[in-house]
Amino acid sequence: MRVLFAVHGYKPAYRIGGPVHSVSALAEGLARRGHEVVVFTTNSNLDCDVDVPVCQPVDVGGVEVWYFQHIEPLKKALPFLRYFAKSLGFLYAPTMAAELKRMVPMVDLVHTHLPFVYPSLAAARAAIRHGKPLFYHQRGLYDPERLRFRSLKKLLYIALIERAIMRRATTLVALTEAESESYRRLAVQTPCRIVPNGVDIPGVDFHASVPAPFPIPEDARVILFMARVHPIKGADTLLEAFPEVVRAIPGAVLVVAGPDEFGLEARFRELAEHQGLTDQILFPGMVVGDAKAWLLARADLFCLPSLAEGFSMAVLEALAAGTPVLITPGCHFAEVEAAGAGRVVEKTPEAVAAAATDMLSDTGKLIGMGRAGREFVASRYSWEAIVDQMLDVYEEGVQRHRHQLAKTS
């Protein structure tokens, strides 16, 4: 089978966040099964560009990736807009359309991975034009909390563009049941299938096998936040909660890791200084590779007090590293409590502080949660299992698409 993915960015564009990891892992998993995967993307890396060849195929982990130069004409014409519109942008890539026109007739299906961006729009329209099955992923962007963020622009775009594409898609793909419900709230009745993200399971005690990349005392209790530093992700809630944790656990350390997408880090540093905790709150920025793996494994507790997630890769990676998690309902991952791998609490500093203090105060229970989380994701969220699920969704959708074409011919 030949599959075309359309996505806003692709590795090594890690500043974009979780979708780059999950989309590339799915593409490589399909390729390992003998399927041919072609990715159409841009050279965007959030607030900069990746240094890659453009308008030509590049082999990335056994996947044929086409990076296209993106432009933002409005921001270029009106530079002051960048101070008010800190986002990926539309990612218009003018050279992509011609290659899609050539490529789409040669593939068996098209899978778009994010709304509101040009690569997904162009690929979806090409799939519809050429009568190819279209699989449509939203990756959490239609969560009600996310739609409240810049709501007018998003709702207008959905009404004018995205809803029509969703209705003509073969299959909508959701990461969670909450995502499936969010499609229905938009008055779209296209068949929907749930396929969560997967995760690679690292070796045990990875942090002990590599030099420590950060000056964290060996006996410190470490809380890790690892995500884009974005208003919706909840780092501010965790920072407000941290002084209460320190009162109960004086040597605790908080690590706030991730790209500073909205320029929030300066304010957070001021808050840490005001709290008298500058020596116990680290801001390493974005971390990748061994440093990221070390932090995930070294942390005693991973905390993501987010308003809205699709299906957080960072939470999955923490669980796979054997680190218990403390999350909020907006993460849509209540299963962690049933699995004994973490806690789900309301998104308030008081609730986060109380839960974090309770969890960090019981070493034995914390270790047990870590083991349970690792076993939980290994059994249900390995990439091999997720690829199996996606292939089943593709097969069912393609067959249904062919049946519909036969009825209309």
Protein backbone atom coordinates (compact mmCIF):
# COMPACT_ATOMS: atom_id res chain seq x y z
CA MET A 1 0.00 0.00 0.00
CA ARG A 2 1.19 3.52 -0.80
CA VAL A 3 0.16 6.16 1.73
CA LEU A 4 0.55 9.93 1.56
CA PHE A 5 0.78 11.83 4.85
CA ALA A 6 0.26 15.59 4.95
CA VAL A 7 1.47 17.33 8.11
CA HIS A 8 2.60 20.79 9.18
CA GLY A 9 6.13 19.73 10.17
CA TYR A 10 8.25 16.60 10.35
CA LYS A 11 11.38 15.58 12.17
CA PRO A 12 13.83 17.10 12.91
CA ALA A 13 11.24 19.88 13.57
CA TYR A 14 10.95 18.88 17.23
CA ARG A 15 10.07 22.38 18.46
CA ILE A 16 6.58 21.82 17.05
CA GLY A 17 5.93 19.26 19.76
CA GLY A 18 4.17 15.91 20.05
CA PRO A 19 2.70 15.54 16.54
CA VAL A 20 6.19 15.44 15.00
CA HIS A 21 7.06 12.44 17.18
CA SER A 22 3.76 10.61 16.74
CA VAL A 23 3.39 11.16 12.99
CA SER A 24 6.97 10.15 12.22
CA ALA A 25 6.71 7.07 14.46
CA LEU A 26 3.51 5.99 12.68
CA ALA A 27 5.08 6.59 9.26
CA GLU A 28 8.17 4.57 10.16
CA GLY A 29 6.06 1.80 11.66
CA LEU A 30 4.08 1.49 8.43
CA ALA A 31 7.31 1.50 6.41
CA ARG A 32 8.71 -1.34 8.52
CA ARG A 33 5.62 -3.37 7.57
CA GLY A 34 6.50 -2.97 3.91
CA HIS A 35 4.16 -0.09 3.07
CA GLU A 36 5.42 2.90 1.12
CA VAL A 37 4.88 6.16 2.99
CA VAL A 38 5.34 9.57 1.39
CA VAL A 39 5.18 12.63 3.63
CA PHE A 40 4.36 16.12 2.35
CA THR A 41 5.30 18.76 4.90
CA THR A 42 6.94 22.15 5.33
CA ASN A 43 10.34 23.13 6.67
CA SER A 44 8.72 24.87 9.66
CA ASN A 45 10.05 24.28 13.15
CA LEU A 46 7.63 26.51 15.07
CA ASP A 47 9.52 29.82 15.29
CA CYS A 48 12.34 28.91 12.91
CA ASP A 49 12.98 26.60 9.94
CA VAL A 50 14.80 23.27 9.78
CA ASP A 51 17.83 23.06 7.52
CA VAL A 52 16.67 20.43 5.03
CA PRO A 53 16.55 20.11 1.22
CA VAL A 54 13.25 21.42 -0.14
CA CYS A 55 11.11 20.36 -3.12
CA GLN A 56 12.81 16.97 -3.39
CA PRO A 57 12.48 13.57 -1.72
CA VAL A 58 14.57 12.97 1.40
CA ASP A 59 14.88 9.57 3.08
CA VAL A 60 14.11 9.99 6.79
CA GLY A 61 14.08 6.70 8.66
CA GLY A 62 12.89 4.75 5.62
CA VAL A 63 10.17 7.28 4.80
CA GLU A 64 10.13 9.47 1.68
CA VAL A 65 9.74 13.01 2.98
CA TRP A 66 9.13 16.09 0.84
CA TYR A 67 9.83 19.35 2.68
CA PHE A 68 8.48 22.52 1.09
CA GLN A 69 9.46 26.09 1.84
CA HIS A 70 6.61 27.82 3.65
CA ILE A 71 5.87 31.52 3.48
CA GLU A 72 3.62 33.80 5.52
CA PRO A 73 2.79 36.69 3.16
CA LEU A 74 0.71 38.63 5.70
CA LYS A 75 3.36 38.49 8.40
CA LYS A 76 6.01 39.48 5.88
CA ALA A 77 3.98 42.45 4.70
CA LEU A 78 3.03 43.46 8.25
CA PRO A 79 5.96 42.42 10.49
CA PHE A 80 4.30 43.76 13.65
CA LEU A 81 1.77 40.90 13.45
CA ARG A 82 4.35 38.44 14.76
CA TYR A 83 4.03 40.07 18.17
CA PHE A 84 0.29 39.42 18.24
CA ALA A 85 0.01 36.12 16.36
CA LYS A 86 2.51 33.71 17.88
CA SER A 87 1.52 30.49 16.16
CA LEU A 88 2.63 28.17 13.43
CA GLY A 89 0.72 30.23 10.90
CA PHE A 90 -1.05 28.89 7.86
CA LEU A 91 2.23 27.49 6.45
CA TYR A 92 1.44 28.29 2.85
CA ALA A 93 3.84 26.36 0.60
CA PRO A 94 3.26 27.48 -3.01
CA THR A 95 5.39 24.75 -4.60
CA MET A 96 3.50 21.94 -2.88
CA ALA A 97 0.37 22.01 -5.05
CA ALA A 98 2.11 20.92 -8.26
CA GLU A 99 3.79 17.97 -6.55
CA LEU A 100 0.50 16.91 -4.96
CA LYS A 101 -1.14 16.98 -8.38
CA ARG A 102 1.56 14.59 -9.60
CA MET A 103 1.76 12.37 -6.50
CA VAL A 104 -1.83 11.88 -5.30
CA PRO A 105 -3.00 9.86 -8.34
CA MET A 106 -0.21 7.36 -7.54
CA VAL A 107 -1.14 6.67 -3.89
CA ASP A 108 -3.79 4.43 -2.36
CA LEU A 109 -4.93 6.87 0.31
CA VAL A 110 -4.23 10.31 1.80
CA HIS A 111 -3.96 10.91 5.54
CA THR A 112 -3.94 14.52 6.81
CA HIS A 113 -2.72 15.13 10.35
CA LEU A 114 -3.71 18.64 11.47
CA PRO A 115 -6.39 21.19 10.57
CA PHE A 116 -5.88 24.93 9.97
CA VAL A 117 -2.70 24.54 7.88
CA TYR A 118 -2.04 24.59 4.15
CA PRO A 119 -0.42 21.12 3.75
CA SER A 120 -3.56 19.44 5.11
CA LEU A 121 -5.88 21.66 3.09
CA ALA A 122 -4.01 21.12 -0.17
CA ALA A 123 -3.65 17.37 0.32
CA ALA A 124 -7.31 16.92 1.29
CA ARG A 125 -8.52 18.82 -1.76
CA ALA A 126 -6.20 16.80 -3.97
CA ALA A 127 -7.52 13.54 -2.50
CA ILE A 128 -11.12 14.59 -3.09
CA ARG A 129 -10.34 15.79 -6.60
CA HIS A 130 -8.69 12.49 -7.55
CA GLY A 131 -11.21 10.26 -5.78
CA LYS A 132 -8.75 8.91 -3.20
CA PRO A 133 -9.78 7.76 0.30
CA LEU A 134 -9.15 10.59 2.76
CA PHE A 135 -8.34 9.96 6.42
CA TYR A 136 -8.60 13.09 8.56
CA HIS A 137 -6.80 13.56 11.90
CA GLN A 138 -7.43 16.58 14.15
CA ARG A 139 -4.94 15.73 16.97
CA GLY A 140 -6.85 17.51 19.70
CA LEU A 141 -7.37 20.87 18.00
CA TYR A 142 -11.19 20.65 18.15
CA ASP A 143 -11.23 20.27 21.92
CA PRO A 144 -13.63 22.96 23.27
CA GLU A 145 -10.85 24.53 25.37
CA ARG A 146 -8.57 24.78 22.35
CA LEU A 147 -11.33 26.26 20.22
CA ARG A 148 -11.76 29.02 22.81
CA PHE A 149 -8.17 30.08 22.13
CA ARG A 150 -8.43 32.48 19.14
CA SER A 151 -11.99 31.19 18.78
CA LEU A 152 -13.28 33.59 16.10
CA LYS A 153 -10.54 32.77 13.62
CA LYS A 154 -10.82 29.01 14.20
CA LEU A 155 -14.61 28.79 14.07
CA LEU A 156 -14.71 30.87 10.89
CA TYR A 157 -12.10 28.63 9.26
CA ILE A 158 -14.01 25.50 10.29
CA ALA A 159 -17.25 26.91 8.88
CA LEU A 160 -15.71 27.99 5.59
CA ILE A 161 -13.20 25.19 4.97
CA GLU A 162 -12.69 22.36 7.45
CA ARG A 163 -16.29 21.21 7.92
CA ALA A 164 -16.76 20.58 4.19
CA ILE A 165 -13.54 18.56 4.09
CA MET A 166 -14.52 16.51 7.15
CA ARG A 167 -17.88 15.70 5.60
CA ARG A 168 -16.22 14.48 2.40
CA ALA A 169 -13.50 12.50 4.17
CA THR A 170 -13.65 8.72 4.18
CA THR A 171 -12.82 8.37 7.87
CA LEU A 172 -12.21 10.76 10.74
CA VAL A 173 -9.45 9.62 13.07
CA ALA A 174 -9.61 10.47 16.78
CA LEU A 175 -6.99 9.92 19.46
CA THR A 176 -9.59 9.59 22.24
CA GLU A 177 -13.32 9.25 22.78
CA ALA A 178 -13.35 12.96 23.68
CA GLU A 179 -11.97 13.77 20.23
CA SER A 180 -14.64 11.63 18.63
CA GLU A 181 -17.28 13.63 20.49
CA SER A 182 -15.69 16.90 19.41
CA TYR A 183 -16.23 15.98 15.75
CA ARG A 184 -19.93 15.46 16.45
CA ARG A 185 -20.19 18.84 18.17
CA LEU A 186 -19.12 20.35 14.86
CA ALA A 187 -22.10 18.68 13.15
CA VAL A 188 -19.98 16.20 11.20
CA GLN A 189 -21.32 12.64 10.89
CA THR A 190 -18.51 11.06 8.86
CA PRO A 191 -17.51 7.64 10.31
CA CYS A 192 -14.93 8.08 13.07
CA ARG A 193 -12.40 5.58 14.40
CA ILE A 194 -10.26 5.93 17.54
CA VAL A 195 -6.54 5.20 17.24
CA PRO A 196 -4.36 6.56 20.08
CA ASN A 197 -0.73 7.55 19.86
CA GLY A 198 1.92 4.97 20.64
CA VAL A 199 5.26 5.09 22.41
CA ASP A 200 8.66 3.41 22.31
CA ILE A 201 9.63 1.67 25.55
CA PRO A 202 13.16 2.71 26.68
CA GLY A 203 15.56 0.64 28.73
CA VAL A 204 15.15 0.60 32.51
CA ASP A 205 17.10 3.21 34.54
CA PHE A 206 18.27 5.07 31.45
CA HIS A 207 19.28 8.07 33.58
CA ALA A 208 21.91 5.97 35.37
CA SER A 209 23.65 4.97 32.12
CA VAL A 210 24.50 8.46 30.78
CA PRO A 211 26.19 11.52 32.35
CA ALA A 212 23.75 13.86 34.08
CA PRO A 213 23.09 16.79 31.71
CA PHE A 214 21.59 19.02 34.43
CA PRO A 215 22.79 20.01 37.93
CA ILE A 216 20.13 18.23 39.94
CA PRO A 217 21.10 16.88 43.38
CA GLU A 218 21.06 13.10 43.52
CA ASP A 219 18.66 13.03 46.48
CA ALA A 220 16.26 15.69 45.14
CA ARG A 221 12.62 14.93 44.43
CA VAL A 222 12.09 16.06 40.83
CA ILE A 223 8.85 17.23 39.24
CA LEU A 224 9.07 17.48 35.45
CA PHE A 225 6.94 19.57 33.11
CA MET A 226 7.87 18.84 29.49
CA ALA A 227 5.76 20.47 26.79
CA ARG A 228 5.56 23.60 24.72
CA VAL A 229 5.52 26.59 27.08
CA HIS A 230 2.10 27.65 25.88
CA PRO A 231 -0.81 29.23 27.82
CA ILE A 232 -2.95 26.13 27.40
CA LYS A 233 -0.37 23.67 28.78
CA GLY A 234 -0.56 24.79 32.41
CA ALA A 235 3.04 25.50 33.40
CA ASP A 236 1.77 28.57 35.27
CA THR A 237 -0.50 26.38 37.40
CA LEU A 238 2.41 24.12 38.32
CA LEU A 239 4.66 27.08 39.17
CA GLU A 240 1.99 28.49 41.46
CA ALA A 241 1.62 25.09 43.12
CA PHE A 242 5.33 24.46 43.61
CA PRO A 243 5.90 26.60 46.75
CA GLU A 244 3.34 24.47 48.59
CA VAL A 245 5.20 21.34 47.53
CA VAL A 246 8.49 22.80 48.77
CA ARG A 247 6.98 23.54 52.19
CA ALA A 248 6.36 19.81 52.62
CA ILE A 249 9.39 18.58 50.65
CA PRO A 250 12.09 21.27 51.04
CA GLY A 251 14.58 19.76 48.58
CA ALA A 252 12.13 19.37 45.71
CA VAL A 253 13.20 20.53 42.24
CA LEU A 254 10.92 21.61 39.41
CA VAL A 255 12.10 21.36 35.79
CA VAL A 256 10.09 23.32 33.20
CA ALA A 257 11.36 22.03 29.84
CA GLY A 258 10.09 22.96 26.41
CA PRO A 259 10.25 25.60 23.67
CA ASP A 260 9.09 29.03 24.86
CA GLU A 261 6.49 29.54 22.15
CA PHE A 262 4.76 32.55 23.73
CA GLY A 263 7.64 34.28 25.49
CA LEU A 264 6.38 33.18 28.92
CA GLU A 265 9.67 32.03 30.40
CA ALA A 266 10.81 35.54 31.45
CA ARG A 267 7.63 35.98 33.50
CA PHE A 268 8.03 32.51 34.98
CA ARG A 269 11.61 33.29 36.01
CA GLU A 270 10.41 36.45 37.72
CA LEU A 271 7.81 34.39 39.57
CA ALA A 272 10.47 31.91 40.69
CA GLU A 273 12.61 34.78 41.95
CA HIS A 274 9.66 36.29 43.78
CA GLN A 275 9.02 32.91 45.40
CA GLY A 276 12.68 32.63 46.42
CA LEU A 277 13.00 29.37 44.46
CA THR A 278 15.38 30.25 41.62
CA ASP A 279 17.79 27.50 42.74
CA GLN A 280 15.02 24.89 42.70
CA ILE A 281 13.30 25.72 39.40
CA LEU A 282 15.19 24.94 36.20
CA PHE A 283 14.32 26.22 32.72
CA PRO A 284 16.47 24.19 30.30
CA GLY A 285 14.40 25.13 27.24
CA MET A 286 13.70 22.45 24.68
CA VAL A 287 15.47 19.16 25.37
CA VAL A 288 15.98 16.30 22.91
CA GLY A 289 17.85 13.04 22.58
CA ASP A 290 19.70 11.66 25.60
CA ALA A 291 18.99 14.78 27.68
CA LYS A 292 15.25 14.34 27.19
CA ALA A 293 15.39 10.61 27.94
CA TRP A 294 17.49 11.29 31.04
CA LEU A 295 15.00 13.84 32.38
CA LEU A 296 12.01 11.57 31.79
CA ALA A 297 13.71 8.72 33.62
CA ARG A 298 15.25 10.86 36.40
CA ALA A 299 12.01 12.63 37.29
CA ASP A 300 10.11 11.30 40.28
CA LEU A 301 6.86 12.77 38.97
CA PHE A 302 5.76 14.07 35.57
CA CYS A 303 3.12 16.81 35.72
CA LEU A 304 1.06 18.24 32.86
CA PRO A 305 -1.80 20.43 34.20
CA SER A 306 -3.11 21.13 30.70
CA LEU A 307 -6.44 22.61 29.70
CA ALA A 308 -6.66 20.49 26.56
CA GLU A 309 -4.60 17.73 24.95
CA GLY A 310 -5.22 15.39 22.06
CA PHE A 311 -3.31 12.42 23.45
CA SER A 312 -0.10 13.72 24.96
CA MET A 313 3.08 12.10 23.70
CA ALA A 314 4.94 13.52 26.70
CA VAL A 315 2.62 11.72 29.14
CA LEU A 316 3.07 8.45 27.23
CA GLU A 317 6.86 8.91 27.20
CA ALA A 318 6.93 9.58 30.94
CA LEU A 319 4.91 6.44 31.65
CA ALA A 320 7.16 4.40 29.34
CA ALA A 321 10.17 5.69 31.29
CA GLY A 322 8.63 4.40 34.51
CA THR A 323 7.69 7.84 35.83
CA PRO A 324 4.29 8.35 37.51
CA VAL A 325 2.16 11.15 36.10
CA LEU A 326 -0.01 13.88 37.59
CA ILE A 327 -2.40 15.26 34.98
CA THR A 328 -5.68 17.13 34.65
CA PRO A 329 -8.99 16.13 33.02
CA GLY A 330 -8.06 18.10 29.89
CA CYS A 331 -5.39 15.50 29.15
CA HIS A 332 -8.20 12.99 28.42
CA PHE A 333 -6.27 10.09 29.90
CA ALA A 334 -8.26 8.93 32.93
CA GLU A 335 -6.94 5.40 32.39
CA VAL A 336 -3.74 6.29 34.28
CA GLU A 337 -5.66 6.20 37.56
CA ALA A 338 -7.30 2.85 36.77
CA ALA A 339 -3.87 1.47 35.88
CA GLY A 340 -2.39 2.73 39.17
CA ALA A 341 0.10 4.82 37.21
CA GLY A 342 -0.80 8.32 38.33
CA ARG A 343 -3.44 10.82 39.41
CA VAL A 344 -5.95 13.05 37.61
CA VAL A 345 -6.82 16.24 39.51
CA GLU A 346 -8.52 19.54 38.80
CA LYS A 347 -6.46 22.25 37.15
CA THR A 348 -5.92 24.45 40.19
CA PRO A 349 -2.66 25.20 42.04
CA GLU A 350 -4.21 23.87 45.25
CA ALA A 351 -5.22 20.52 43.75
CA VAL A 352 -1.91 20.07 41.92
CA ALA A 353 0.11 20.97 45.03
CA ALA A 354 -1.82 18.59 47.28
CA ALA A 355 -1.56 15.66 44.86
CA ALA A 356 2.11 16.24 44.06
CA THR A 357 2.99 16.46 47.76
CA ASP A 358 1.05 13.30 48.54
CA MET A 359 2.64 11.34 45.70
CA LEU A 360 6.21 12.49 46.37
CA SER A 361 5.90 11.74 50.10
CA ASP A 362 5.47 7.98 49.60
CA THR A 363 8.56 6.57 47.87
CA GLY A 364 7.34 2.98 47.78
CA LYS A 365 3.99 3.92 46.28
CA LEU A 366 5.71 6.17 43.76
CA ILE A 367 7.97 3.36 42.57
CA GLY A 368 4.98 1.04 42.25
CA MET A 369 3.13 3.62 40.16
CA GLY A 370 6.14 3.93 37.87
CA ARG A 371 6.28 0.19 37.28
CA ALA A 372 2.54 0.01 36.70
CA GLY A 373 2.71 2.85 34.17
CA ARG A 374 5.51 1.21 32.22
CA GLU A 375 3.65 -2.10 32.07
CA PHE A 376 0.43 -0.33 31.13
CA VAL A 377 1.80 1.50 28.09
CA ALA A 378 3.93 -1.46 27.00
CA SER A 379 0.83 -3.66 26.83
CA ARG A 380 -1.55 -1.16 25.20
CA TYR A 381 0.39 1.62 23.48
CA SER A 382 3.43 0.12 21.80
CA TRP A 383 3.85 1.40 18.26
CA GLU A 384 3.48 -2.11 16.88
CA ALA A 385 -0.02 -2.32 18.37
CA ILE A 386 -0.93 1.18 17.15
CA VAL A 387 0.25 0.43 13.60
CA ASP A 388 -1.98 -2.67 13.63
CA GLN A 389 -4.96 -0.51 14.61
CA MET A 390 -4.24 2.09 11.94
CA LEU A 391 -3.91 -0.55 9.23
CA ASP A 392 -7.31 -1.94 10.25
CA VAL A 393 -8.80 1.56 9.99
CA TYR A 394 -7.23 2.05 6.56
CA GLU A 395 -8.51 -1.30 5.28
CA GLU A 396 -12.05 -0.69 6.51
CA GLY A 397 -12.11 2.85 5.13
CA VAL A 398 -10.69 1.93 1.74
CA GLN A 399 -13.24 -0.86 1.33
CA ARG A 400 -16.08 1.49 2.27
CA HIS A 401 -14.75 4.13 -0.14
CA ARG A 402 -14.66 1.60 -2.99
CA HIS A 403 -18.20 0.48 -2.20
CA GLN A 404 -19.42 4.09 -2.28
CA LEU A 405 -17.69 4.70 -5.60
CA ALA A 406 -19.28 1.56 -7.05
CA LYS A 407 -22.74 2.72 -5.94
CA THR A 408 -22.35 6.09 -7.66
CA SER A 409 -20.80 4.80 -10.88
